Amino acid sequence: MLYALLVTQPLLGWAMLSAGGAPVVVLGSVRLPRIAPCDARLFWLLRQCHSILAYALMTVIAAHVSAIVAHTVTLRDRMLSRMTFALPSARRLGRPLRVIAGGDTKGG
């Protein structure tokens, strides 16, 4: 759902601006072609869809952040560290991380 919204939202914005007659410029110099005819009714419809999907995208992002917090704070199942490139913990490996890094295990 999140990925679908992340793709659909900018496309709807591009179509909305095209229908409104506004130029679509990316990075200050790249002009995108029109993907919708210039039409006031179509602009209004695309604007409504763009607004609704913006609220849906904010809701889905909030749900994802809430799930991360729930897994990290409440469940403590290290879901976030499995999703990121976190260093493996010494407890999980059963030996100090210094051994992995090439140091000795006597603290020196």
PDB file of N, CA and C in Angstrom:
ATOM      1  N   MET A   1       0.818  -1.190   0.000  1.00  0.00           N
ATOM      2  CA  MET A   1       0.000   0.000   0.000  1.00  0.00           C
ATOM      3  C   MET A   1       0.871   1.267   0.000  1.00  0.00           C
ATOM      4  N   LEU A   2       1.896   1.249   0.839  1.00  0.00           N
ATOM      5  CA  LEU A   2       2.771   2.414   0.919  1.00  0.00           C
ATOM      6  C   LEU A   2       3.448   2.688  -0.423  1.00  0.00           C
ATOM      7  N   TYR A   3       3.985   1.658  -1.041  1.00  0.00           N
ATOM      8  CA  TYR A   3       4.680   1.845  -2.316  1.00  0.00           C
ATOM      9  C   TYR A   3       3.721   2.285  -3.420  1.00  0.00           C
ATOM     10  N   ALA A   4       2.528   1.757  -3.429  1.00  0.00           N
ATOM     11  CA  ALA A   4       1.535   2.172  -4.428  1.00  0.00           C
ATOM     12  C   ALA A   4       1.204   3.654  -4.270  1.00  0.00           C
ATOM     13  N   LEU A   5       1.050   4.100  -3.032  1.00  0.00           N
ATOM     14  CA  LEU A   5       0.766   5.515  -2.790  1.00  0.00           C
ATOM     15  C   LEU A   5       1.961   6.393  -3.159  1.00  0.00           C
ATOM     16  N   LEU A   6       3.168   5.918  -2.877  1.00  0.00           N
ATOM     17  CA  LEU A   6       4.358   6.704  -3.199  1.00  0.00           C
ATOM     18  C   LEU A   6       4.555   6.867  -4.703  1.00  0.00           C
ATOM     19  N   VAL A   7       4.056   5.933  -5.488  1.00  0.00           N
ATOM     20  CA  VAL A   7       4.139   6.047  -6.948  1.00  0.00           C
ATOM     21  C   VAL A   7       2.962   6.853  -7.492  1.00  0.00           C
ATOM     22  N   THR A   8       1.768   6.587  -6.971  1.00  0.00           N
ATOM     23  CA  THR A   8       0.551   7.204  -7.494  1.00  0.00           C
ATOM     24  C   THR A   8       0.467   8.694  -7.184  1.00  0.00           C
ATOM     25  N   GLN A   9       0.882   9.104  -6.001  1.00  0.00           N
ATOM     26  CA  GLN A   9       0.736  10.500  -5.581  1.00  0.00           C
ATOM     27  C   GLN A   9       1.458  11.478  -6.512  1.00  0.00           C
ATOM     28  N   PRO A  10       2.728  11.284  -6.844  1.00  0.00           N
ATOM     29  CA  PRO A  10       3.364  12.229  -7.767  1.00  0.00           C
ATOM     30  C   PRO A  10       2.777  12.188  -9.176  1.00  0.00           C
ATOM     31  N   LEU A  11       2.349  11.004  -9.614  1.00  0.00           N
ATOM     32  CA  LEU A  11       1.727  10.922 -10.942  1.00  0.00           C
ATOM     33  C   LEU A  11       0.418  11.699 -10.985  1.00  0.00           C
ATOM     34  N   LEU A  12      -0.367  11.596  -9.911  1.00  0.00           N
ATOM     35  CA  LEU A  12      -1.606  12.381  -9.846  1.00  0.00           C
ATOM     36  C   LEU A  12      -1.307  13.879  -9.809  1.00  0.00           C
ATOM     37  N   GLY A  13      -0.271  14.262  -9.073  1.00  0.00           N
ATOM     38  CA  GLY A  13       0.111  15.675  -9.038  1.00  0.00           C
ATOM     39  C   GLY A  13       0.543  16.181 -10.398  1.00  0.00           C
ATOM     40  N   TRP A  14       1.285  15.366 -11.118  1.00  0.00           N
ATOM     41  CA  TRP A  14       1.727  15.719 -12.467  1.00  0.00           C
ATOM     42  C   TRP A  14       0.535  15.867 -13.394  1.00  0.00           C
ATOM     43  N   ALA A  15      -0.394  14.919 -13.336  1.00  0.00           N
ATOM     44  CA  ALA A  15      -1.598  14.996 -14.170  1.00  0.00           C
ATOM     45  C   ALA A  15      -2.450  16.199 -13.783  1.00  0.00           C
ATOM     46  N   MET A  16      -2.547  16.468 -12.486  1.00  0.00           N
ATOM     47  CA  MET A  16      -3.342  17.601 -12.015  1.00  0.00           C
ATOM     48  C   MET A  16      -2.769  18.916 -12.546  1.00  0.00           C
ATOM     49  N   LEU A  17      -1.461  19.087 -12.438  1.00  0.00           N
ATOM     50  CA  LEU A  17      -0.851  20.313 -12.949  1.00  0.00           C
ATOM     51  C   LEU A  17      -0.988  20.416 -14.463  1.00  0.00           C
ATOM     52  N   SER A  18      -0.894  19.294 -15.151  1.00  0.00           N
ATOM     53  CA  SER A  18      -1.088  19.299 -16.602  1.00  0.00           C
ATOM     54  C   SER A  18      -2.502  19.723 -16.956  1.00  0.00           C
ATOM     55  N   ALA A  19      -3.488  19.205 -16.235  1.00  0.00           N
ATOM     56  CA  ALA A  19      -4.887  19.564 -16.500  1.00  0.00           C
ATOM     57  C   ALA A  19      -5.168  21.015 -16.152  1.00  0.00           C
ATOM     58  N   GLY A  20      -4.421  21.562 -15.197  1.00  0.00           N
ATOM     59  CA  GLY A  20      -4.597  22.959 -14.820  1.00  0.00           C
ATOM     60  C   GLY A  20      -3.852  23.925 -15.717  1.00  0.00           C
ATOM     61  N   GLY A  21      -3.017  23.411 -16.603  1.00  0.00           N
ATOM     62  CA  GLY A  21      -2.288  24.278 -17.524  1.00  0.00           C
ATOM     63  C   GLY A  21      -0.962  24.776 -16.983  1.00  0.00           C
ATOM     64  N   ALA A  22      -0.579  24.348 -15.801  1.00  0.00           N
ATOM     65  CA  ALA A  22       0.682  24.798 -15.208  1.00  0.00           C
ATOM     66  C   ALA A  22       1.837  23.946 -15.728  1.00  0.00           C
ATOM     67  N   PRO A  23       2.982  24.560 -15.950  1.00  0.00           N
ATOM     68  CA  PRO A  23       4.138  23.766 -16.376  1.00  0.00           C
ATOM     69  C   PRO A  23       4.684  22.954 -15.200  1.00  0.00           C
ATOM     70  N   VAL A  24       5.159  21.767 -15.491  1.00  0.00           N
ATOM     71  CA  VAL A  24       5.744  20.916 -14.459  1.00  0.00           C
ATOM     72  C   VAL A  24       7.250  20.912 -14.678  1.00  0.00           C
ATOM     73  N   VAL A  25       7.976  21.495 -13.718  1.00  0.00           N
ATOM     74  CA  VAL A  25       9.426  21.622 -13.813  1.00  0.00           C
ATOM     75  C   VAL A  25      10.053  20.841 -12.663  1.00  0.00           C
ATOM     76  N   VAL A  26      10.999  19.966 -13.001  1.00  0.00           N
ATOM     77  CA  VAL A  26      11.684  19.151 -12.005  1.00  0.00           C
ATOM     78  C   VAL A  26      13.129  19.625 -11.893  1.00  0.00           C
ATOM     79  N   LEU A  27      13.619  19.757 -10.676  1.00  0.00           N
ATOM     80  CA  LEU A  27      14.996  20.175 -10.398  1.00  0.00           C
ATOM     81  C   LEU A  27      15.334  21.534 -11.006  1.00  0.00           C
ATOM     82  N   GLY A  28      14.340  22.365 -11.173  1.00  0.00           N
ATOM     83  CA  GLY A  28      14.557  23.721 -11.639  1.00  0.00           C
ATOM     84  C   GLY A  28      14.777  23.910 -13.120  1.00  0.00           C
ATOM     85  N   SER A  29      14.999  22.830 -13.872  1.00  0.00           N
ATOM     86  CA  SER A  29      15.284  23.039 -15.291  1.00  0.00           C
ATOM     87  C   SER A  29      14.651  22.014 -16.229  1.00  0.00           C
ATOM     88  N   VAL A  30      14.245  20.873 -15.739  1.00  0.00           N
ATOM     89  CA  VAL A  30      13.693  19.827 -16.598  1.00  0.00           C
ATOM     90  C   VAL A  30      12.178  19.992 -16.667  1.00  0.00           C
ATOM     91  N   ARG A  31      11.683  20.310 -17.855  1.00  0.00           N
ATOM     92  CA  ARG A  31      10.234  20.456 -18.042  1.00  0.00           C
ATOM     93  C   ARG A  31       9.645  19.126 -18.464  1.00  0.00           C
ATOM     94  N   LEU A  32       8.636  18.688 -17.721  1.00  0.00           N
ATOM     95  CA  LEU A  32       7.959  17.439 -18.048  1.00  0.00           C
ATOM     96  C   LEU A  32       6.824  17.708 -19.032  1.00  0.00           C
ATOM     97  N   PRO A  33       6.551  16.787 -19.928  1.00  0.00           N
ATOM     98  CA  PRO A  33       5.451  16.980 -20.878  1.00  0.00           C
ATOM     99  C   PRO A  33       4.103  16.838 -20.179  1.00  0.00           C
ATOM    100  N   ARG A  34       3.089  17.359 -20.828  1.00  0.00           N
ATOM    101  CA  ARG A  34       1.729  17.221 -20.287  1.00  0.00           C
ATOM    102  C   ARG A  34       1.274  15.777 -20.442  1.00  0.00           C
ATOM    103  N   ILE A  35       0.618  15.266 -19.394  1.00  0.00           N
ATOM    104  CA  ILE A  35       0.082  13.905 -19.472  1.00  0.00           C
ATOM    105  C   ILE A  35      -1.436  13.909 -19.379  1.00  0.00           C
ATOM    106  N   ALA A  36      -2.022  15.095 -19.305  1.00  0.00           N
ATOM    107  CA  ALA A  36      -3.485  15.212 -19.263  1.00  0.00           C
ATOM    108  C   ALA A  36      -3.883  16.448 -20.058  1.00  0.00           C
ATOM    109  N   PRO A  37      -5.064  16.411 -20.674  1.00  0.00           N
ATOM    110  CA  PRO A  37      -5.519  17.595 -21.411  1.00  0.00           C
ATOM    111  C   PRO A  37      -5.866  18.729 -20.452  1.00  0.00           C
ATOM    112  N   CYS A  38      -5.753  19.941 -20.940  1.00  0.00           N
ATOM    113  CA  CYS A  38      -6.075  21.117 -20.141  1.00  0.00           C
ATOM    114  C   CYS A  38      -7.598  21.210 -20.007  1.00  0.00           C
ATOM    115  N   ASP A  39      -8.119  20.924 -18.813  1.00  0.00           N
ATOM    116  CA  ASP A  39      -9.565  20.880 -18.591  1.00  0.00           C
ATOM    117  C   ASP A  39      -9.833  21.191 -17.124  1.00  0.00           C
ATOM    118  N   ALA A  40     -10.704  22.172 -16.868  1.00  0.00           N
ATOM    119  CA  ALA A  40     -10.988  22.602 -15.499  1.00  0.00           C
ATOM    120  C   ALA A  40     -11.667  21.506 -14.681  1.00  0.00           C
ATOM    121  N   ARG A  41     -12.589  20.763 -15.278  1.00  0.00           N
ATOM    122  CA  ARG A  41     -13.267  19.675 -14.541  1.00  0.00           C
ATOM    123  C   ARG A  41     -12.296  18.551 -14.188  1.00  0.00           C
ATOM    124  N   LEU A  42     -11.449  18.209 -15.136  1.00  0.00           N
ATOM    125  CA  LEU A  42     -10.455  17.170 -14.876  1.00  0.00           C
ATOM    126  C   LEU A  42      -9.475  17.628 -13.796  1.00  0.00           C
ATOM    127  N   PHE A  43      -9.097  18.905 -13.846  1.00  0.00           N
ATOM    128  CA  PHE A  43      -8.217  19.451 -12.816  1.00  0.00           C
ATOM    129  C   PHE A  43      -8.859  19.313 -11.440  1.00  0.00           C
ATOM    130  N   TRP A  44     -10.136  19.672 -11.327  1.00  0.00           N
ATOM    131  CA  TRP A  44     -10.835  19.583 -10.042  1.00  0.00           C
ATOM    132  C   TRP A  44     -10.879  18.135  -9.557  1.00  0.00           C
ATOM    133  N   LEU A  45     -11.193  17.202 -10.444  1.00  0.00           N
ATOM    134  CA  LEU A  45     -11.260  15.787 -10.067  1.00  0.00           C
ATOM    135  C   LEU A  45      -9.891  15.265  -9.616  1.00  0.00           C
ATOM    136  N   LEU A  46      -8.862  15.596 -10.376  1.00  0.00           N
ATOM    137  CA  LEU A  46      -7.517  15.153 -10.010  1.00  0.00           C
ATOM    138  C   LEU A  46      -7.050  15.804  -8.710  1.00  0.00           C
ATOM    139  N   ARG A  47      -7.455  17.040  -8.484  1.00  0.00           N
ATOM    140  CA  ARG A  47      -7.092  17.708  -7.227  1.00  0.00           C
ATOM    141  C   ARG A  47      -7.740  17.016  -6.043  1.00  0.00           C
ATOM    142  N   GLN A  48      -9.000  16.621  -6.185  1.00  0.00           N
ATOM    143  CA  GLN A  48      -9.682  15.899  -5.105  1.00  0.00           C
ATOM    144  C   GLN A  48      -8.998  14.559  -4.839  1.00  0.00           C
ATOM    145  N   CYS A  49      -8.679  13.837  -5.905  1.00  0.00           N
ATOM    146  CA  CYS A  49      -7.991  12.542  -5.751  1.00  0.00           C
ATOM    147  C   CYS A  49      -6.623  12.727  -5.112  1.00  0.00           C
ATOM    148  N   HIS A  50      -5.911  13.755  -5.530  1.00  0.00           N
ATOM    149  CA  HIS A  50      -4.582  14.035  -4.981  1.00  0.00           C
ATOM    150  C   HIS A  50      -4.679  14.343  -3.482  1.00  0.00           C
ATOM    151  N   SER A  51      -5.685  15.094  -3.086  1.00  0.00           N
ATOM    152  CA  SER A  51      -5.873  15.427  -1.670  1.00  0.00           C
ATOM    153  C   SER A  51      -6.220  14.194  -0.847  1.00  0.00           C
ATOM    154  N   ILE A  52      -7.120  13.372  -1.362  1.00  0.00           N
ATOM    155  CA  ILE A  52      -7.520  12.156  -0.643  1.00  0.00           C
ATOM    156  C   ILE A  52      -6.328  11.217  -0.483  1.00  0.00           C
ATOM    157  N   LEU A  53      -5.556  11.050  -1.556  1.00  0.00           N
ATOM    158  CA  LEU A  53      -4.386  10.178  -1.465  1.00  0.00           C
ATOM    159  C   LEU A  53      -3.307  10.757  -0.553  1.00  0.00           C
ATOM    160  N   ALA A  54      -3.246  12.080  -0.432  1.00  0.00           N
ATOM    161  CA  ALA A  54      -2.291  12.686   0.504  1.00  0.00           C
ATOM    162  C   ALA A  54      -2.645  12.295   1.937  1.00  0.00           C
ATOM    163  N   TYR A  55      -3.929  12.350   2.275  1.00  0.00           N
ATOM    164  CA  TYR A  55      -4.351  11.924   3.618  1.00  0.00           C
ATOM    165  C   TYR A  55      -4.120  10.430   3.814  1.00  0.00           C
ATOM    166  N   ALA A  56      -4.371   9.641   2.782  1.00  0.00           N
ATOM    167  CA  ALA A  56      -4.130   8.197   2.877  1.00  0.00           C
ATOM    168  C   ALA A  56      -2.645   7.915   3.080  1.00  0.00           C
ATOM    169  N   LEU A  57      -1.791   8.640   2.366  1.00  0.00           N
ATOM    170  CA  LEU A  57      -0.348   8.455   2.503  1.00  0.00           C
ATOM    171  C   LEU A  57       0.117   8.832   3.910  1.00  0.00           C
ATOM    172  N   MET A  58      -0.381   9.930   4.447  1.00  0.00           N
ATOM    173  CA  MET A  58      -0.024  10.316   5.814  1.00  0.00           C
ATOM    174  C   MET A  58      -0.490   9.272   6.823  1.00  0.00           C
ATOM    175  N   THR A  59      -1.672   8.701   6.598  1.00  0.00           N
ATOM    176  CA  THR A  59      -2.190   7.667   7.491  1.00  0.00           C
ATOM    177  C   THR A  59      -1.338   6.410   7.439  1.00  0.00           C
ATOM    178  N   VAL A  60      -0.954   5.994   6.243  1.00  0.00           N
ATOM    179  CA  VAL A  60      -0.132   4.789   6.096  1.00  0.00           C
ATOM    180  C   VAL A  60       1.256   5.009   6.705  1.00  0.00           C
ATOM    181  N   ILE A  61       1.832   6.183   6.521  1.00  0.00           N
ATOM    182  CA  ILE A  61       3.135   6.479   7.132  1.00  0.00           C
ATOM    183  C   ILE A  61       3.017   6.466   8.651  1.00  0.00           C
ATOM    184  N   ALA A  62       1.957   7.067   9.189  1.00  0.00           N
ATOM    185  CA  ALA A  62       1.749   7.053  10.643  1.00  0.00           C
ATOM    186  C   ALA A  62       1.573   5.629  11.160  1.00  0.00           C
ATOM    187  N   ALA A  63       0.877   4.791  10.406  1.00  0.00           N
ATOM    188  CA  ALA A  63       0.701   3.392  10.812  1.00  0.00           C
ATOM    189  C   ALA A  63       2.037   2.657  10.811  1.00  0.00           C
ATOM    190  N   HIS A  64       2.876   2.919   9.818  1.00  0.00           N
ATOM    191  CA  HIS A  64       4.190   2.274   9.771  1.00  0.00           C
ATOM    192  C   HIS A  64       5.075   2.727  10.938  1.00  0.00           C
ATOM    193  N   VAL A  65       5.068   4.011  11.228  1.00  0.00           N
ATOM    194  CA  VAL A  65       5.853   4.518  12.359  1.00  0.00           C
ATOM    195  C   VAL A  65       5.332   3.934  13.667  1.00  0.00           C
ATOM    196  N   SER A  66       4.013   3.847  13.805  1.00  0.00           N
ATOM    197  CA  SER A  66       3.426   3.244  15.009  1.00  0.00           C
ATOM    198  C   SER A  66       3.823   1.786  15.146  1.00  0.00           C
ATOM    199  N   ALA A  67       3.862   1.068  14.042  1.00  0.00           N
ATOM    200  CA  ALA A  67       4.271  -0.340  14.089  1.00  0.00           C
ATOM    201  C   ALA A  67       5.737  -0.471  14.494  1.00  0.00           C
ATOM    202  N   ILE A  68       6.582   0.430  14.010  1.00  0.00           N
ATOM    203  CA  ILE A  68       7.995   0.409  14.403  1.00  0.00           C
ATOM    204  C   ILE A  68       8.132   0.652  15.900  1.00  0.00           C
ATOM    205  N   VAL A  69       7.403   1.647  16.405  1.00  0.00           N
ATOM    206  CA  VAL A  69       7.455   1.948  17.839  1.00  0.00           C
ATOM    207  C   VAL A  69       6.931   0.770  18.648  1.00  0.00           C
ATOM    208  N   ALA A  70       5.841   0.163  18.216  1.00  0.00           N
ATOM    209  CA  ALA A  70       5.276  -0.976  18.942  1.00  0.00           C
ATOM    210  C   ALA A  70       6.257  -2.141  18.982  1.00  0.00           C
ATOM    211  N   HIS A  71       6.897  -2.425  17.867  1.00  0.00           N
ATOM    212  CA  HIS A  71       7.852  -3.536  17.837  1.00  0.00           C
ATOM    213  C   HIS A  71       9.099  -3.224  18.662  1.00  0.00           C
ATOM    214  N   THR A  72       9.530  -1.966  18.644  1.00  0.00           N
ATOM    215  CA  THR A  72      10.757  -1.601  19.347  1.00  0.00           C
ATOM    216  C   THR A  72      10.540  -1.471  20.849  1.00  0.00           C
ATOM    217  N   VAL A  73       9.468  -0.801  21.245  1.00  0.00           N
ATOM    218  CA  VAL A  73       9.254  -0.501  22.660  1.00  0.00           C
ATOM    219  C   VAL A  73       8.462  -1.592  23.370  1.00  0.00           C
ATOM    220  N   THR A  74       7.380  -2.026  22.782  1.00  0.00           N
ATOM    221  CA  THR A  74       6.495  -2.967  23.459  1.00  0.00           C
ATOM    222  C   THR A  74       6.942  -4.412  23.290  1.00  0.00           C
ATOM    223  N   LEU A  75       7.114  -4.849  22.063  1.00  0.00           N
ATOM    224  CA  LEU A  75       7.437  -6.253  21.807  1.00  0.00           C
ATOM    225  C   LEU A  75       8.923  -6.575  21.983  1.00  0.00           C
ATOM    226  N   ARG A  76       9.782  -5.567  21.793  1.00  0.00           N
ATOM    227  CA  ARG A  76      11.237  -5.723  21.922  1.00  0.00           C
ATOM    228  C   ARG A  76      11.765  -6.915  21.123  1.00  0.00           C
ATOM    229  N   ASP A  77      11.276  -7.047  19.909  1.00  0.00           N
ATOM    230  CA  ASP A  77      11.688  -8.175  19.070  1.00  0.00           C
ATOM    231  C   ASP A  77      12.774  -7.808  18.059  1.00  0.00           C
ATOM    232  N   ARG A  78      13.392  -6.648  18.215  1.00  0.00           N
ATOM    233  CA  ARG A  78      14.477  -6.170  17.356  1.00  0.00           C
ATOM    234  C   ARG A  78      14.097  -6.138  15.876  1.00  0.00           C
ATOM    235  N   MET A  79      12.847  -5.860  15.606  1.00  0.00           N
ATOM    236  CA  MET A  79      12.384  -5.782  14.222  1.00  0.00           C
ATOM    237  C   MET A  79      13.133  -4.690  13.454  1.00  0.00           C
ATOM    238  N   LEU A  80      13.330  -3.541  14.083  1.00  0.00           N
ATOM    239  CA  LEU A  80      13.990  -2.429  13.403  1.00  0.00           C
ATOM    240  C   LEU A  80      15.440  -2.767  13.068  1.00  0.00           C
ATOM    241  N   SER A  81      16.140  -3.429  13.961  1.00  0.00           N
ATOM    242  CA  SER A  81      17.533  -3.775  13.663  1.00  0.00           C
ATOM    243  C   SER A  81      17.622  -4.832  12.566  1.00  0.00           C
ATOM    244  N   ARG A  82      16.603  -5.664  12.426  1.00  0.00           N
ATOM    245  CA  ARG A  82      16.604  -6.639  11.337  1.00  0.00           C
ATOM    246  C   ARG A  82      16.288  -5.983  10.002  1.00  0.00           C
ATOM    247  N   MET A  83      15.561  -4.877  10.030  1.00  0.00           N
ATOM    248  CA  MET A  83      15.202  -4.180   8.795  1.00  0.00           C
ATOM    249  C   MET A  83      16.314  -3.251   8.319  1.00  0.00           C
ATOM    250  N   THR A  84      17.173  -2.810   9.233  1.00  0.00           N
ATOM    251  CA  THR A  84      18.247  -1.885   8.879  1.00  0.00           C
ATOM    252  C   THR A  84      19.567  -2.634   8.820  1.00  0.00           C
ATOM    253  N   PHE A  85      20.610  -1.913   8.516  1.00  0.00           N
ATOM    254  CA  PHE A  85      21.940  -2.507   8.440  1.00  0.00           C
ATOM    255  C   PHE A  85      22.667  -2.338   9.766  1.00  0.00           C
ATOM    256  N   ALA A  86      21.984  -2.650  10.859  1.00  0.00           N
ATOM    257  CA  ALA A  86      22.575  -2.502  12.188  1.00  0.00           C
ATOM    258  C   ALA A  86      23.667  -3.546  12.398  1.00  0.00           C
ATOM    259  N   LEU A  87      24.644  -3.184  13.217  1.00  0.00           N
ATOM    260  CA  LEU A  87      25.693  -4.140  13.561  1.00  0.00           C
ATOM    261  C   LEU A  87      25.095  -5.269  14.385  1.00  0.00           C
ATOM    262  N   PRO A  88      25.569  -6.475  14.206  1.00  0.00           N
ATOM    263  CA  PRO A  88      25.055  -7.572  15.029  1.00  0.00           C
ATOM    264  C   PRO A  88      25.451  -7.359  16.481  1.00  0.00           C
ATOM    265  N   SER A  89      24.553  -7.664  17.384  1.00  0.00           N
ATOM    266  CA  SER A  89      24.846  -7.454  18.799  1.00  0.00           C
ATOM    267  C   SER A  89      25.715  -8.588  19.322  1.00  0.00           C
ATOM    268  N   ALA A  90      26.539  -8.272  20.318  1.00  0.00           N
ATOM    269  CA  ALA A  90      27.432  -9.270  20.907  1.00  0.00           C
ATOM    270  C   ALA A  90      26.631 -10.360  21.600  1.00  0.00           C
ATOM    271  N   ARG A  91      25.531 -10.002  22.212  1.00  0.00           N
ATOM    272  CA  ARG A  91      24.712 -10.987  22.915  1.00  0.00           C
ATOM    273  C   ARG A  91      24.159 -12.019  21.935  1.00  0.00           C
ATOM    274  N   ARG A  92      23.721 -11.562  20.770  1.00  0.00           N
ATOM    275  CA  ARG A  92      23.153 -12.475  19.794  1.00  0.00           C
ATOM    276  C   ARG A  92      24.229 -13.396  19.214  1.00  0.00           C
ATOM    277  N   LEU A  93      25.446 -12.870  19.059  1.00  0.00           N
ATOM    278  CA  LEU A  93      26.531 -13.670  18.513  1.00  0.00           C
ATOM    279  C   LEU A  93      27.155 -14.599  19.549  1.00  0.00           C
ATOM    280  N   GLY A  94      27.009 -14.261  20.832  1.00  0.00           N
ATOM    281  CA  GLY A  94      27.573 -15.079  21.884  1.00  0.00           C
ATOM    282  C   GLY A  94      29.040 -14.794  22.154  1.00  0.00           C
ATOM    283  N   ARG A  95      29.608 -13.741  21.560  1.00  0.00           N
ATOM    284  CA  ARG A  95      30.997 -13.378  21.822  1.00  0.00           C
ATOM    285  C   ARG A  95      31.128 -11.869  21.639  1.00  0.00           C
ATOM    286  N   PRO A  96      32.172 -11.290  22.206  1.00  0.00           N
ATOM    287  CA  PRO A  96      32.331  -9.837  22.100  1.00  0.00           C
ATOM    288  C   PRO A  96      32.546  -9.389  20.661  1.00  0.00           C
ATOM    289  N   LEU A  97      32.121  -8.179  20.380  1.00  0.00           N
ATOM    290  CA  LEU A  97      32.303  -7.622  19.040  1.00  0.00           C
ATOM    291  C   LEU A  97      33.770  -7.340  18.736  1.00  0.00           C
ATOM    292  N   ARG A  98      34.619  -7.203  19.761  1.00  0.00           N
ATOM    293  CA  ARG A  98      36.040  -6.937  19.513  1.00  0.00           C
ATOM    294  C   ARG A  98      36.687  -8.078  18.740  1.00  0.00           C
ATOM    295  N   VAL A  99      36.201  -9.285  18.939  1.00  0.00           N
ATOM    296  CA  VAL A  99      36.755 -10.430  18.214  1.00  0.00           C
ATOM    297  C   VAL A  99      36.488 -10.267  16.722  1.00  0.00           C
ATOM    298  N   ILE A 100      35.288  -9.816  16.391  1.00  0.00           N
ATOM    299  CA  ILE A 100      34.934  -9.608  14.990  1.00  0.00           C
ATOM    300  C   ILE A 100      35.785  -8.494  14.394  1.00  0.00           C
ATOM    301  N   ALA A 101      36.025  -7.447  15.182  1.00  0.00           N
ATOM    302  CA  ALA A 101      36.791  -6.309  14.691  1.00  0.00           C
ATOM    303  C   ALA A 101      38.288  -6.586  14.651  1.00  0.00           C
ATOM    304  N   GLY A 102      38.736  -7.721  15.191  1.00  0.00           N
ATOM    305  CA  GLY A 102      40.149  -8.062  15.138  1.00  0.00           C
ATOM    306  C   GLY A 102      40.896  -7.795  16.430  1.00  0.00           C
ATOM    307  N   GLY A 103      40.224  -7.287  17.454  1.00  0.00           N
ATOM    308  CA  GLY A 103      40.877  -7.021  18.736  1.00  0.00           C
ATOM    309  C   GLY A 103      40.923  -8.272  19.590  1.00  0.00           C
ATOM    310  N   ASP A 104      41.597  -8.165  20.727  1.00  0.00           N
ATOM    311  CA  ASP A 104      41.645  -9.318  21.616  1.00  0.00           C
ATOM    312  C   ASP A 104      40.444  -9.306  22.552  1.00  0.00           C
ATOM    313  N   THR A 105      40.208 -10.409  23.217  1.00  0.00           N
ATOM    314  CA  THR A 105      39.046 -10.520  24.104  1.00  0.00           C
ATOM    315  C   THR A 105      39.393 -10.227  25.545  1.00  0.00           C
ATOM    316  N   LYS A 106      40.644  -9.854  25.854  1.00  0.00           N
ATOM    317  CA  LYS A 106      41.062  -9.599  27.230  1.00  0.00           C
ATOM    318  C   LYS A 106      40.940  -8.129  27.595  1.00  0.00           C
ATOM    319  N   GLY A 107      40.383  -7.340  26.688  1.00  0.00           N
ATOM    320  CA  GLY A 107      40.161  -5.935  26.991  1.00  0.00           C
ATOM    321  C   GLY A 107      41.350  -5.053  26.677  1.00  0.00           C
ATOM    322  N   GLY A 108      42.351  -5.548  26.017  1.00  0.00           N
ATOM    323  CA  GLY A 108      43.559  -4.781  25.757  1.00  0.00           C
ATOM    324  C   GLY A 108      43.665  -4.460  24.356  1.00  0.00           C
TER     325      GLY A 108
END
